[in-house]
N, C-alpha and C. Protein backbone atom coordinates (compact mmCIF):
# COMPACT_ATOMS: atom_id res chain seq x y z
N MET A 1 14.15 -63.68 -10.42
CA MET A 1 14.00 -63.36 -11.83
C MET A 1 13.27 -64.50 -12.54
N PRO A 2 12.61 -64.20 -13.66
CA PRO A 2 11.82 -65.23 -14.36
C PRO A 2 12.60 -66.50 -14.68
N ASP A 3 13.88 -66.38 -15.03
CA ASP A 3 14.66 -67.57 -15.37
C ASP A 3 14.73 -68.57 -14.24
N SER A 4 14.51 -68.10 -13.01
CA SER A 4 14.63 -68.98 -11.85
C SER A 4 13.37 -69.80 -11.59
N PHE A 5 12.26 -69.47 -12.23
CA PHE A 5 11.04 -70.23 -11.95
C PHE A 5 10.23 -70.65 -13.17
N LEU A 6 10.51 -70.08 -14.35
CA LEU A 6 9.70 -70.42 -15.52
C LEU A 6 9.83 -71.89 -15.91
N GLU A 7 11.03 -72.44 -15.81
CA GLU A 7 11.21 -73.84 -16.16
C GLU A 7 10.42 -74.75 -15.23
N VAL A 8 10.41 -74.40 -13.94
CA VAL A 8 9.63 -75.17 -12.97
C VAL A 8 8.14 -75.05 -13.26
N ALA A 9 7.70 -73.85 -13.63
CA ALA A 9 6.29 -73.64 -13.96
C ALA A 9 5.89 -74.49 -15.16
N GLU A 10 6.79 -74.60 -16.14
CA GLU A 10 6.53 -75.42 -17.32
C GLU A 10 6.42 -76.90 -16.93
N GLU A 11 7.36 -77.37 -16.11
CA GLU A 11 7.40 -78.77 -15.73
C GLU A 11 6.21 -79.18 -14.87
N THR A 12 5.69 -78.26 -14.07
CA THR A 12 4.59 -78.58 -13.17
C THR A 12 3.22 -78.26 -13.75
N GLY A 13 3.21 -77.76 -14.99
CA GLY A 13 1.93 -77.48 -15.63
C GLY A 13 1.28 -76.18 -15.20
N LEU A 14 2.07 -75.31 -14.57
CA LEU A 14 1.52 -74.04 -14.06
C LEU A 14 1.73 -72.87 -15.02
N LEU A 15 2.41 -73.12 -16.14
CA LEU A 15 2.78 -72.01 -17.01
C LEU A 15 1.56 -71.33 -17.62
N VAL A 16 0.55 -72.10 -17.99
CA VAL A 16 -0.66 -71.51 -18.58
C VAL A 16 -1.36 -70.62 -17.57
N ALA A 17 -1.46 -71.10 -16.32
CA ALA A 17 -2.10 -70.29 -15.28
C ALA A 17 -1.30 -69.01 -15.02
N LEU A 18 0.02 -69.13 -15.07
CA LEU A 18 0.88 -67.95 -14.89
C LEU A 18 0.69 -66.98 -16.04
N ASP A 19 0.62 -67.51 -17.26
CA ASP A 19 0.35 -66.68 -18.44
C ASP A 19 -0.95 -65.90 -18.27
N GLU A 20 -1.99 -66.61 -17.82
CA GLU A 20 -3.30 -65.99 -17.68
C GLU A 20 -3.27 -64.86 -16.65
N TRP A 21 -2.55 -65.08 -15.55
CA TRP A 21 -2.45 -64.04 -14.53
C TRP A 21 -1.71 -62.82 -15.07
N VAL A 22 -0.58 -63.06 -15.74
CA VAL A 22 0.21 -61.96 -16.29
C VAL A 22 -0.60 -61.18 -17.32
N LEU A 23 -1.29 -61.89 -18.19
CA LEU A 23 -2.08 -61.23 -19.22
C LEU A 23 -3.19 -60.38 -18.61
N ALA A 24 -3.90 -60.94 -17.62
CA ALA A 24 -4.98 -60.19 -16.98
C ALA A 24 -4.45 -58.94 -16.28
N ALA A 25 -3.33 -59.08 -15.56
CA ALA A 25 -2.75 -57.94 -14.86
C ALA A 25 -2.25 -56.89 -15.85
N THR A 26 -1.70 -57.35 -16.96
CA THR A 26 -1.19 -56.42 -17.98
C THR A 26 -2.31 -55.61 -18.59
N VAL A 27 -3.39 -56.29 -18.97
CA VAL A 27 -4.52 -55.59 -19.58
C VAL A 27 -5.15 -54.61 -18.59
N GLN A 28 -5.25 -55.01 -17.33
CA GLN A 28 -5.82 -54.13 -16.32
C GLN A 28 -4.99 -52.86 -16.16
N GLN A 29 -3.66 -53.03 -16.09
CA GLN A 29 -2.79 -51.86 -15.94
C GLN A 29 -2.79 -51.01 -17.20
N ALA A 30 -2.79 -51.66 -18.36
CA ALA A 30 -2.81 -50.91 -19.62
C ALA A 30 -4.09 -50.10 -19.76
N THR A 31 -5.20 -50.66 -19.30
CA THR A 31 -6.47 -49.95 -19.35
C THR A 31 -6.41 -48.69 -18.48
N ALA A 32 -5.80 -48.82 -17.30
CA ALA A 32 -5.66 -47.66 -16.41
C ALA A 32 -4.79 -46.58 -17.05
N TRP A 33 -3.68 -46.99 -17.69
CA TRP A 33 -2.82 -46.01 -18.35
C TRP A 33 -3.52 -45.35 -19.53
N HIS A 34 -4.29 -46.14 -20.27
CA HIS A 34 -5.01 -45.59 -21.42
C HIS A 34 -6.02 -44.54 -20.97
N ALA A 35 -6.72 -44.84 -19.87
CA ALA A 35 -7.71 -43.89 -19.35
C ALA A 35 -7.04 -42.64 -18.80
N ARG A 36 -5.84 -42.80 -18.24
CA ARG A 36 -5.15 -41.68 -17.59
C ARG A 36 -4.43 -40.78 -18.59
N PHE A 37 -3.85 -41.39 -19.62
CA PHE A 37 -2.98 -40.62 -20.50
C PHE A 37 -3.49 -40.48 -21.94
N GLY A 38 -4.50 -41.27 -22.31
CA GLY A 38 -5.06 -41.14 -23.64
C GLY A 38 -4.19 -41.74 -24.73
N GLU A 39 -4.56 -41.46 -25.97
CA GLU A 39 -3.89 -42.06 -27.12
C GLU A 39 -2.51 -41.46 -27.40
N THR A 40 -2.32 -40.21 -27.06
CA THR A 40 -1.08 -39.53 -27.44
C THR A 40 0.13 -40.02 -26.66
N ASP A 41 -0.01 -40.12 -25.33
CA ASP A 41 1.14 -40.44 -24.48
C ASP A 41 1.30 -41.93 -24.21
N PHE A 42 0.23 -42.71 -24.35
CA PHE A 42 0.32 -44.14 -24.07
C PHE A 42 -0.12 -44.92 -25.30
N THR A 43 0.76 -45.79 -25.79
CA THR A 43 0.45 -46.51 -27.03
C THR A 43 0.31 -48.01 -26.85
N GLY A 44 0.57 -48.54 -25.64
CA GLY A 44 0.33 -49.95 -25.44
C GLY A 44 1.39 -50.66 -24.64
N VAL A 45 1.15 -51.95 -24.41
CA VAL A 45 2.06 -52.80 -23.64
C VAL A 45 2.26 -54.12 -24.38
N SER A 46 3.33 -54.82 -24.00
CA SER A 46 3.64 -56.11 -24.60
C SER A 46 3.62 -57.20 -23.54
N VAL A 47 3.27 -58.41 -23.95
CA VAL A 47 3.27 -59.55 -23.04
C VAL A 47 3.71 -60.78 -23.81
N ASN A 48 4.57 -61.60 -23.18
CA ASN A 48 5.03 -62.83 -23.80
C ASN A 48 4.07 -63.97 -23.53
N ILE A 49 3.87 -64.83 -24.51
CA ILE A 49 2.93 -65.93 -24.41
C ILE A 49 3.66 -67.25 -24.71
N SER A 50 3.32 -68.30 -23.96
CA SER A 50 3.95 -69.60 -24.14
C SER A 50 3.28 -70.39 -25.26
N ALA A 51 4.00 -71.39 -25.77
CA ALA A 51 3.46 -72.25 -26.83
C ALA A 51 2.24 -73.01 -26.34
N ARG A 52 2.29 -73.47 -25.11
CA ARG A 52 1.17 -74.24 -24.56
C ARG A 52 -0.10 -73.40 -24.48
N HIS A 53 0.05 -72.13 -24.14
CA HIS A 53 -1.11 -71.26 -24.07
C HIS A 53 -1.67 -70.99 -25.46
N LEU A 54 -0.79 -70.76 -26.40
CA LEU A 54 -1.23 -70.49 -27.77
C LEU A 54 -2.00 -71.67 -28.36
N ALA A 55 -1.65 -72.89 -27.92
CA ALA A 55 -2.30 -74.08 -28.46
C ALA A 55 -3.75 -74.23 -27.99
N ASP A 56 -4.12 -73.48 -26.96
CA ASP A 56 -5.50 -73.51 -26.47
C ASP A 56 -6.40 -72.81 -27.47
N ALA A 57 -7.36 -73.54 -28.00
CA ALA A 57 -8.24 -72.99 -29.03
C ALA A 57 -9.04 -71.78 -28.54
N LYS A 58 -9.21 -71.66 -27.22
CA LYS A 58 -9.99 -70.56 -26.66
C LYS A 58 -9.15 -69.32 -26.35
N PHE A 59 -7.84 -69.44 -26.51
CA PHE A 59 -6.95 -68.37 -26.07
C PHE A 59 -7.23 -67.05 -26.78
N ALA A 60 -7.20 -67.07 -28.10
CA ALA A 60 -7.34 -65.83 -28.86
C ALA A 60 -8.68 -65.15 -28.57
N ARG A 61 -9.74 -65.93 -28.56
CA ARG A 61 -11.05 -65.36 -28.29
C ARG A 61 -11.11 -64.75 -26.90
N GLY A 62 -10.46 -65.41 -25.93
CA GLY A 62 -10.44 -64.90 -24.57
C GLY A 62 -9.71 -63.57 -24.46
N VAL A 63 -8.59 -63.44 -25.18
CA VAL A 63 -7.84 -62.19 -25.17
C VAL A 63 -8.68 -61.06 -25.76
N ILE A 64 -9.29 -61.32 -26.89
CA ILE A 64 -10.10 -60.30 -27.57
C ILE A 64 -11.27 -59.87 -26.69
N ASP A 65 -11.95 -60.85 -26.08
CA ASP A 65 -13.09 -60.54 -25.21
C ASP A 65 -12.64 -59.71 -24.00
N THR A 66 -11.47 -60.03 -23.45
CA THR A 66 -10.96 -59.29 -22.29
C THR A 66 -10.66 -57.84 -22.67
N LEU A 67 -10.03 -57.63 -23.81
CA LEU A 67 -9.74 -56.27 -24.26
C LEU A 67 -11.02 -55.47 -24.48
N ASP A 68 -11.98 -56.09 -25.12
CA ASP A 68 -13.23 -55.39 -25.41
C ASP A 68 -14.00 -55.08 -24.13
N ALA A 69 -13.99 -56.02 -23.18
CA ALA A 69 -14.71 -55.82 -21.93
C ALA A 69 -14.08 -54.68 -21.12
N ARG A 70 -12.76 -54.54 -21.20
CA ARG A 70 -12.05 -53.49 -20.48
C ARG A 70 -12.11 -52.15 -21.21
N GLY A 71 -12.45 -52.20 -22.50
CA GLY A 71 -12.46 -50.97 -23.28
C GLY A 71 -11.09 -50.53 -23.75
N LEU A 72 -10.15 -51.46 -23.77
CA LEU A 72 -8.80 -51.14 -24.23
C LEU A 72 -8.70 -51.42 -25.73
N PRO A 73 -8.29 -50.43 -26.52
CA PRO A 73 -8.15 -50.67 -27.96
C PRO A 73 -7.27 -51.89 -28.22
N ARG A 74 -7.68 -52.72 -29.15
CA ARG A 74 -6.96 -53.97 -29.39
C ARG A 74 -5.51 -53.75 -29.79
N ASP A 75 -5.24 -52.67 -30.51
CA ASP A 75 -3.87 -52.44 -30.95
C ASP A 75 -2.98 -51.90 -29.84
N HIS A 76 -3.53 -51.77 -28.63
CA HIS A 76 -2.74 -51.36 -27.48
C HIS A 76 -2.13 -52.55 -26.76
N LEU A 77 -2.39 -53.77 -27.27
CA LEU A 77 -1.77 -54.96 -26.71
C LEU A 77 -0.88 -55.60 -27.78
N GLN A 78 0.35 -55.90 -27.38
CA GLN A 78 1.28 -56.59 -28.26
C GLN A 78 1.60 -57.95 -27.65
N VAL A 79 1.36 -59.00 -28.40
CA VAL A 79 1.68 -60.36 -27.96
C VAL A 79 3.01 -60.76 -28.58
N GLU A 80 3.95 -61.17 -27.74
CA GLU A 80 5.27 -61.55 -28.22
C GLU A 80 5.50 -63.05 -28.01
N VAL A 81 6.10 -63.69 -29.01
CA VAL A 81 6.48 -65.10 -28.91
C VAL A 81 7.95 -65.23 -29.31
N THR A 82 8.63 -66.19 -28.73
CA THR A 82 10.03 -66.42 -29.06
C THR A 82 10.14 -67.38 -30.23
N GLU A 83 11.36 -67.50 -30.78
CA GLU A 83 11.59 -68.45 -31.86
C GLU A 83 11.23 -69.86 -31.42
N GLN A 84 11.61 -70.21 -30.18
CA GLN A 84 11.33 -71.55 -29.68
C GLN A 84 9.83 -71.82 -29.67
N VAL A 85 9.05 -70.82 -29.28
CA VAL A 85 7.60 -70.98 -29.26
C VAL A 85 7.09 -71.21 -30.67
N LEU A 86 7.60 -70.46 -31.64
CA LEU A 86 7.15 -70.64 -33.02
C LEU A 86 7.47 -72.03 -33.54
N MET A 87 8.63 -72.56 -33.15
CA MET A 87 9.00 -73.89 -33.60
C MET A 87 8.12 -74.96 -32.98
N GLU A 88 7.52 -74.65 -31.83
CA GLU A 88 6.68 -75.62 -31.14
C GLU A 88 5.20 -75.45 -31.46
N THR A 89 4.87 -74.46 -32.26
CA THR A 89 3.46 -74.17 -32.49
C THR A 89 2.79 -75.23 -33.32
N SER A 90 1.57 -75.53 -32.93
CA SER A 90 0.73 -76.47 -33.67
C SER A 90 -0.16 -75.67 -34.63
N HIS A 91 -0.96 -76.36 -35.39
CA HIS A 91 -1.88 -75.67 -36.31
C HIS A 91 -2.84 -74.77 -35.53
N SER A 92 -3.34 -75.27 -34.39
CA SER A 92 -4.28 -74.47 -33.60
C SER A 92 -3.61 -73.23 -33.04
N ALA A 93 -2.32 -73.36 -32.66
CA ALA A 93 -1.60 -72.20 -32.14
C ALA A 93 -1.41 -71.15 -33.23
N MET A 94 -1.08 -71.60 -34.43
CA MET A 94 -0.91 -70.66 -35.54
C MET A 94 -2.24 -69.99 -35.88
N THR A 95 -3.32 -70.75 -35.79
CA THR A 95 -4.65 -70.18 -36.02
C THR A 95 -4.95 -69.10 -34.99
N GLY A 96 -4.53 -69.35 -33.74
CA GLY A 96 -4.74 -68.36 -32.68
C GLY A 96 -3.97 -67.09 -32.92
N LEU A 97 -2.71 -67.22 -33.36
CA LEU A 97 -1.91 -66.04 -33.67
C LEU A 97 -2.55 -65.21 -34.78
N ARG A 98 -3.01 -65.89 -35.81
CA ARG A 98 -3.64 -65.18 -36.93
C ARG A 98 -4.94 -64.51 -36.49
N ALA A 99 -5.69 -65.18 -35.62
CA ALA A 99 -6.94 -64.60 -35.14
C ALA A 99 -6.68 -63.32 -34.34
N LEU A 100 -5.64 -63.34 -33.52
CA LEU A 100 -5.27 -62.15 -32.75
C LEU A 100 -4.88 -61.01 -33.68
N ARG A 101 -4.04 -61.33 -34.65
CA ARG A 101 -3.58 -60.29 -35.56
C ARG A 101 -4.72 -59.74 -36.41
N ASP A 102 -5.59 -60.61 -36.87
CA ASP A 102 -6.73 -60.16 -37.66
C ASP A 102 -7.67 -59.27 -36.85
N ALA A 103 -7.69 -59.49 -35.51
CA ALA A 103 -8.56 -58.70 -34.64
C ALA A 103 -7.95 -57.36 -34.27
N GLY A 104 -6.68 -57.14 -34.64
CA GLY A 104 -6.04 -55.86 -34.36
C GLY A 104 -4.96 -55.90 -33.30
N VAL A 105 -4.79 -57.07 -32.65
CA VAL A 105 -3.71 -57.21 -31.67
C VAL A 105 -2.38 -57.34 -32.41
N LYS A 106 -1.36 -56.65 -31.95
CA LYS A 106 -0.05 -56.72 -32.59
C LYS A 106 0.66 -58.01 -32.18
N VAL A 107 1.31 -58.66 -33.13
CA VAL A 107 2.02 -59.91 -32.87
C VAL A 107 3.48 -59.74 -33.28
N GLY A 108 4.40 -60.14 -32.38
CA GLY A 108 5.80 -59.95 -32.69
C GLY A 108 6.67 -61.14 -32.32
N LEU A 109 7.84 -61.20 -32.93
CA LEU A 109 8.83 -62.25 -32.66
C LEU A 109 9.88 -61.68 -31.74
N ASP A 110 10.03 -62.28 -30.55
CA ASP A 110 10.93 -61.78 -29.52
C ASP A 110 12.28 -62.50 -29.59
N ASP A 111 13.35 -61.82 -29.21
CA ASP A 111 14.69 -62.41 -29.12
C ASP A 111 15.13 -63.07 -30.41
N PHE A 112 14.85 -62.45 -31.54
CA PHE A 112 15.20 -63.07 -32.82
C PHE A 112 16.72 -63.23 -32.93
N GLY A 113 17.13 -64.44 -33.35
CA GLY A 113 18.54 -64.73 -33.52
C GLY A 113 19.10 -65.67 -32.48
N THR A 114 18.32 -66.01 -31.44
CA THR A 114 18.82 -66.88 -30.37
C THR A 114 18.52 -68.35 -30.61
N GLY A 115 17.59 -68.64 -31.50
CA GLY A 115 17.20 -70.02 -31.74
C GLY A 115 17.78 -70.57 -33.02
N PHE A 116 17.01 -71.46 -33.65
CA PHE A 116 17.49 -72.12 -34.86
C PHE A 116 16.73 -71.66 -36.10
N SER A 117 15.98 -70.60 -35.96
CA SER A 117 15.18 -70.15 -37.09
C SER A 117 16.03 -69.38 -38.09
N SER A 118 15.47 -69.17 -39.26
CA SER A 118 16.15 -68.40 -40.29
C SER A 118 15.35 -67.14 -40.57
N LEU A 119 15.90 -66.30 -41.43
CA LEU A 119 15.18 -65.09 -41.81
C LEU A 119 13.86 -65.43 -42.49
N ALA A 120 13.76 -66.66 -43.04
CA ALA A 120 12.52 -67.07 -43.70
C ALA A 120 11.34 -67.08 -42.74
N TYR A 121 11.63 -67.23 -41.43
CA TYR A 121 10.55 -67.23 -40.44
C TYR A 121 9.75 -65.93 -40.50
N LEU A 122 10.42 -64.86 -40.86
CA LEU A 122 9.77 -63.55 -40.84
C LEU A 122 8.63 -63.46 -41.84
N ARG A 123 8.68 -64.27 -42.89
CA ARG A 123 7.59 -64.24 -43.87
C ARG A 123 6.60 -65.39 -43.69
N GLN A 124 6.97 -66.38 -42.88
CA GLN A 124 6.12 -67.55 -42.72
C GLN A 124 5.05 -67.37 -41.66
N PHE A 125 5.28 -66.45 -40.74
CA PHE A 125 4.37 -66.31 -39.60
C PHE A 125 3.68 -64.94 -39.61
N PRO A 126 2.48 -64.87 -39.01
CA PRO A 126 1.71 -63.61 -38.99
C PRO A 126 2.29 -62.63 -37.98
N LEU A 127 3.21 -61.79 -38.42
CA LEU A 127 3.92 -60.89 -37.51
C LEU A 127 3.74 -59.43 -37.90
N ASP A 128 3.84 -58.56 -36.88
CA ASP A 128 3.84 -57.11 -37.09
C ASP A 128 5.21 -56.51 -36.81
N PHE A 129 5.97 -57.15 -35.92
CA PHE A 129 7.28 -56.60 -35.56
C PHE A 129 8.22 -57.74 -35.18
N VAL A 130 9.51 -57.42 -35.19
CA VAL A 130 10.54 -58.38 -34.80
C VAL A 130 11.52 -57.67 -33.88
N LYS A 131 11.93 -58.38 -32.81
CA LYS A 131 12.88 -57.83 -31.85
C LYS A 131 14.22 -58.54 -32.02
N ILE A 132 15.26 -57.78 -32.31
CA ILE A 132 16.59 -58.34 -32.48
C ILE A 132 17.20 -58.59 -31.11
N ASP A 133 17.66 -59.81 -30.88
CA ASP A 133 18.19 -60.17 -29.57
C ASP A 133 19.37 -59.30 -29.16
N LYS A 134 19.46 -59.07 -27.86
CA LYS A 134 20.49 -58.18 -27.33
C LYS A 134 21.90 -58.67 -27.58
N SER A 135 22.09 -59.98 -27.79
CA SER A 135 23.44 -60.49 -28.04
C SER A 135 24.03 -59.89 -29.31
N PHE A 136 23.19 -59.60 -30.31
CA PHE A 136 23.67 -58.95 -31.52
C PHE A 136 23.97 -57.47 -31.26
N VAL A 137 23.09 -56.84 -30.49
CA VAL A 137 23.26 -55.42 -30.19
C VAL A 137 24.55 -55.18 -29.41
N HIS A 138 24.84 -56.07 -28.45
CA HIS A 138 26.04 -55.90 -27.63
C HIS A 138 27.31 -56.16 -28.43
N GLY A 139 27.18 -56.87 -29.54
CA GLY A 139 28.35 -57.15 -30.36
C GLY A 139 28.59 -56.17 -31.48
N LEU A 140 27.72 -55.20 -31.61
CA LEU A 140 27.88 -54.22 -32.69
C LEU A 140 29.20 -53.47 -32.57
N ALA A 141 29.81 -53.22 -33.72
CA ALA A 141 31.06 -52.46 -33.80
C ALA A 141 32.24 -53.17 -33.14
N VAL A 142 32.08 -54.48 -32.84
CA VAL A 142 33.19 -55.24 -32.26
C VAL A 142 33.93 -56.02 -33.35
N THR A 143 33.18 -56.83 -34.11
CA THR A 143 33.80 -57.61 -35.18
C THR A 143 33.28 -57.23 -36.56
N GLY A 144 32.15 -56.56 -36.60
CA GLY A 144 31.54 -56.24 -37.88
C GLY A 144 30.55 -57.29 -38.35
N ARG A 145 30.65 -58.48 -37.78
CA ARG A 145 29.73 -59.56 -38.18
C ARG A 145 28.31 -59.26 -37.72
N GLU A 146 28.19 -58.79 -36.47
CA GLU A 146 26.85 -58.47 -35.96
C GLU A 146 26.21 -57.34 -36.75
N ASP A 147 27.02 -56.37 -37.17
CA ASP A 147 26.50 -55.27 -37.98
C ASP A 147 25.84 -55.81 -39.24
N ALA A 148 26.51 -56.79 -39.88
CA ALA A 148 25.98 -57.36 -41.11
C ALA A 148 24.69 -58.12 -40.86
N VAL A 149 24.64 -58.86 -39.74
CA VAL A 149 23.43 -59.62 -39.42
C VAL A 149 22.26 -58.69 -39.13
N VAL A 150 22.51 -57.68 -38.31
CA VAL A 150 21.45 -56.73 -37.97
C VAL A 150 20.96 -56.01 -39.22
N ALA A 151 21.88 -55.61 -40.08
CA ALA A 151 21.50 -54.93 -41.32
C ALA A 151 20.64 -55.83 -42.19
N ALA A 152 20.96 -57.12 -42.24
CA ALA A 152 20.18 -58.07 -43.04
C ALA A 152 18.78 -58.25 -42.47
N ILE A 153 18.69 -58.35 -41.14
CA ILE A 153 17.38 -58.50 -40.49
C ILE A 153 16.52 -57.26 -40.75
N VAL A 154 17.13 -56.10 -40.61
CA VAL A 154 16.40 -54.84 -40.82
C VAL A 154 15.90 -54.75 -42.26
N THR A 155 16.75 -55.06 -43.21
CA THR A 155 16.38 -54.95 -44.62
C THR A 155 15.23 -55.88 -44.98
N LEU A 156 15.34 -57.15 -44.59
CA LEU A 156 14.27 -58.10 -44.90
C LEU A 156 12.98 -57.76 -44.17
N SER A 157 13.11 -57.40 -42.88
CA SER A 157 11.92 -57.07 -42.09
C SER A 157 11.18 -55.89 -42.70
N HIS A 158 11.89 -54.86 -43.08
CA HIS A 158 11.26 -53.69 -43.69
C HIS A 158 10.61 -54.06 -45.04
N ALA A 159 11.26 -54.94 -45.79
CA ALA A 159 10.68 -55.38 -47.06
C ALA A 159 9.37 -56.11 -46.85
N LEU A 160 9.23 -56.74 -45.68
CA LEU A 160 8.00 -57.47 -45.35
C LEU A 160 7.01 -56.61 -44.57
N GLY A 161 7.35 -55.34 -44.38
CA GLY A 161 6.44 -54.44 -43.69
C GLY A 161 6.47 -54.57 -42.18
N LEU A 162 7.55 -55.11 -41.62
CA LEU A 162 7.64 -55.31 -40.18
C LEU A 162 8.42 -54.18 -39.51
N VAL A 163 8.03 -53.86 -38.29
CA VAL A 163 8.75 -52.90 -37.46
C VAL A 163 9.90 -53.65 -36.79
N VAL A 164 11.09 -53.03 -36.74
CA VAL A 164 12.27 -53.67 -36.15
C VAL A 164 12.63 -52.97 -34.84
N ILE A 165 12.77 -53.77 -33.78
CA ILE A 165 13.10 -53.25 -32.46
C ILE A 165 14.40 -53.87 -32.00
N ALA A 166 15.35 -53.06 -31.56
CA ALA A 166 16.62 -53.55 -31.04
C ALA A 166 16.51 -53.68 -29.53
N GLU A 167 16.83 -54.87 -29.02
CA GLU A 167 16.76 -55.14 -27.59
C GLU A 167 18.11 -54.90 -26.93
N GLY A 168 18.07 -54.65 -25.62
CA GLY A 168 19.29 -54.60 -24.84
C GLY A 168 20.20 -53.43 -25.11
N VAL A 169 19.66 -52.30 -25.51
CA VAL A 169 20.48 -51.11 -25.76
C VAL A 169 20.86 -50.49 -24.42
N GLU A 170 22.15 -50.53 -24.13
CA GLU A 170 22.62 -50.07 -22.82
C GLU A 170 23.59 -48.90 -22.88
N THR A 171 24.10 -48.59 -24.08
CA THR A 171 25.06 -47.49 -24.20
C THR A 171 24.66 -46.58 -25.36
N GLN A 172 25.16 -45.36 -25.32
CA GLN A 172 24.88 -44.42 -26.40
C GLN A 172 25.46 -44.93 -27.72
N SER A 173 26.61 -45.58 -27.64
CA SER A 173 27.23 -46.13 -28.84
C SER A 173 26.34 -47.18 -29.50
N GLN A 174 25.74 -48.04 -28.69
CA GLN A 174 24.82 -49.05 -29.22
C GLN A 174 23.59 -48.39 -29.84
N LEU A 175 23.09 -47.37 -29.18
CA LEU A 175 21.94 -46.65 -29.71
C LEU A 175 22.27 -46.03 -31.07
N ASP A 176 23.42 -45.40 -31.15
CA ASP A 176 23.83 -44.80 -32.42
C ASP A 176 23.96 -45.86 -33.52
N SER A 177 24.48 -47.03 -33.15
CA SER A 177 24.69 -48.10 -34.13
C SER A 177 23.37 -48.63 -34.67
N VAL A 178 22.43 -48.93 -33.78
CA VAL A 178 21.17 -49.51 -34.26
C VAL A 178 20.35 -48.49 -35.05
N LYS A 179 20.49 -47.22 -34.69
CA LYS A 179 19.82 -46.17 -35.46
C LYS A 179 20.41 -46.08 -36.86
N SER A 180 21.73 -46.16 -36.96
CA SER A 180 22.37 -46.07 -38.26
C SER A 180 22.06 -47.27 -39.14
N LEU A 181 21.75 -48.42 -38.51
CA LEU A 181 21.42 -49.63 -39.26
C LEU A 181 19.94 -49.70 -39.63
N GLY A 182 19.16 -48.72 -39.18
CA GLY A 182 17.78 -48.62 -39.61
C GLY A 182 16.74 -49.19 -38.68
N CYS A 183 17.12 -49.56 -37.44
CA CYS A 183 16.13 -50.06 -36.49
C CYS A 183 15.10 -48.96 -36.18
N ASP A 184 13.84 -49.36 -36.07
CA ASP A 184 12.77 -48.39 -35.87
C ASP A 184 12.61 -47.97 -34.41
N ARG A 185 12.83 -48.92 -33.50
CA ARG A 185 12.65 -48.66 -32.08
C ARG A 185 13.73 -49.38 -31.30
N VAL A 186 13.88 -48.98 -30.05
CA VAL A 186 14.86 -49.64 -29.18
C VAL A 186 14.25 -49.85 -27.80
N GLN A 187 14.82 -50.81 -27.08
CA GLN A 187 14.49 -50.96 -25.67
C GLN A 187 15.77 -51.37 -24.95
N GLY A 188 15.86 -50.99 -23.68
CA GLY A 188 17.06 -51.33 -22.93
C GLY A 188 17.30 -50.38 -21.79
N PHE A 189 18.31 -50.70 -20.99
CA PHE A 189 18.60 -49.94 -19.77
C PHE A 189 19.01 -48.51 -20.05
N LEU A 190 19.50 -48.22 -21.26
CA LEU A 190 19.85 -46.83 -21.57
C LEU A 190 18.62 -45.94 -21.47
N LEU A 191 17.46 -46.48 -21.82
CA LEU A 191 16.22 -45.71 -21.77
C LEU A 191 15.56 -45.79 -20.40
N ALA A 192 15.47 -47.00 -19.87
CA ALA A 192 14.83 -47.19 -18.56
C ALA A 192 15.03 -48.61 -18.08
N ARG A 193 15.03 -48.78 -16.79
CA ARG A 193 15.08 -50.10 -16.18
C ARG A 193 13.67 -50.52 -15.76
N PRO A 194 13.44 -51.82 -15.54
CA PRO A 194 12.12 -52.26 -15.09
C PRO A 194 11.71 -51.52 -13.82
N GLY A 195 10.42 -51.22 -13.71
CA GLY A 195 9.98 -50.48 -12.55
C GLY A 195 8.51 -50.74 -12.23
N GLU A 196 8.09 -50.27 -11.09
CA GLU A 196 6.69 -50.39 -10.68
C GLU A 196 5.83 -49.46 -11.54
N PRO A 197 4.51 -49.72 -11.61
CA PRO A 197 3.62 -48.87 -12.41
C PRO A 197 3.76 -47.38 -12.11
N GLY A 198 3.98 -47.04 -10.85
CA GLY A 198 4.11 -45.63 -10.49
C GLY A 198 5.30 -44.97 -11.18
N ALA A 199 6.39 -45.73 -11.31
CA ALA A 199 7.57 -45.19 -11.99
C ALA A 199 7.30 -44.98 -13.47
N VAL A 200 6.50 -45.88 -14.05
CA VAL A 200 6.13 -45.75 -15.46
C VAL A 200 5.23 -44.53 -15.65
N ASP A 201 4.33 -44.32 -14.69
CA ASP A 201 3.46 -43.12 -14.73
C ASP A 201 4.31 -41.86 -14.85
N GLU A 202 5.36 -41.79 -14.03
CA GLU A 202 6.21 -40.59 -14.02
C GLU A 202 6.91 -40.42 -15.37
N ARG A 203 7.37 -41.52 -15.96
CA ARG A 203 8.06 -41.41 -17.24
C ARG A 203 7.10 -40.97 -18.35
N ILE A 204 5.88 -41.48 -18.31
CA ILE A 204 4.90 -41.08 -19.33
C ILE A 204 4.60 -39.59 -19.20
N ARG A 205 4.41 -39.14 -17.96
CA ARG A 205 4.13 -37.72 -17.74
C ARG A 205 5.30 -36.85 -18.20
N ALA A 206 6.51 -37.38 -18.05
CA ALA A 206 7.69 -36.63 -18.44
C ALA A 206 7.97 -36.72 -19.93
N GLY A 207 7.15 -37.52 -20.62
CA GLY A 207 7.32 -37.65 -22.06
C GLY A 207 8.41 -38.63 -22.46
N GLY A 208 8.86 -39.49 -21.51
CA GLY A 208 9.92 -40.44 -21.82
C GLY A 208 9.50 -41.86 -21.78
């Protein structure tokens, strides 16, 4: 699993190269899905990016050029960064995020609530969507505290024009809860587990 090697990749200076490989493979696969299923059934893919990669002044331009060369609509790629990455971003990294967003690439905050950021982060950075960390989703309807936090995130995010995605939805009860709190989208094992491209093909064809 990624947790077993990402720290080593960071320490050895391989994380940027790993990012580049993942991004290239993602765009290649997304292009194939776009050609196969069109705009109606396939709407895009997401990829996480490290702070070190974002700090590269050439990063944003490289992403845009890759999308255009492949013929993949720019809004079919979503770049996700964690709170920790945002806290580590330099001016050049922030410039890169804004360049991506201005070019039509979707930018989102992943695992919101796990770091030291506040709700103010949602208005300070160039974002299109925010993902609520699964730890809040799993605690819904247990103490009531998570319900209040999720409701606050949803309210502020919507006021700022952001799409809200609930992570880690594993039960019907959790799905019902996040829907009632106003989350726009969900992801989690209740819908599907990670799989090979062929398995994703089957789900798209099945409309799921």
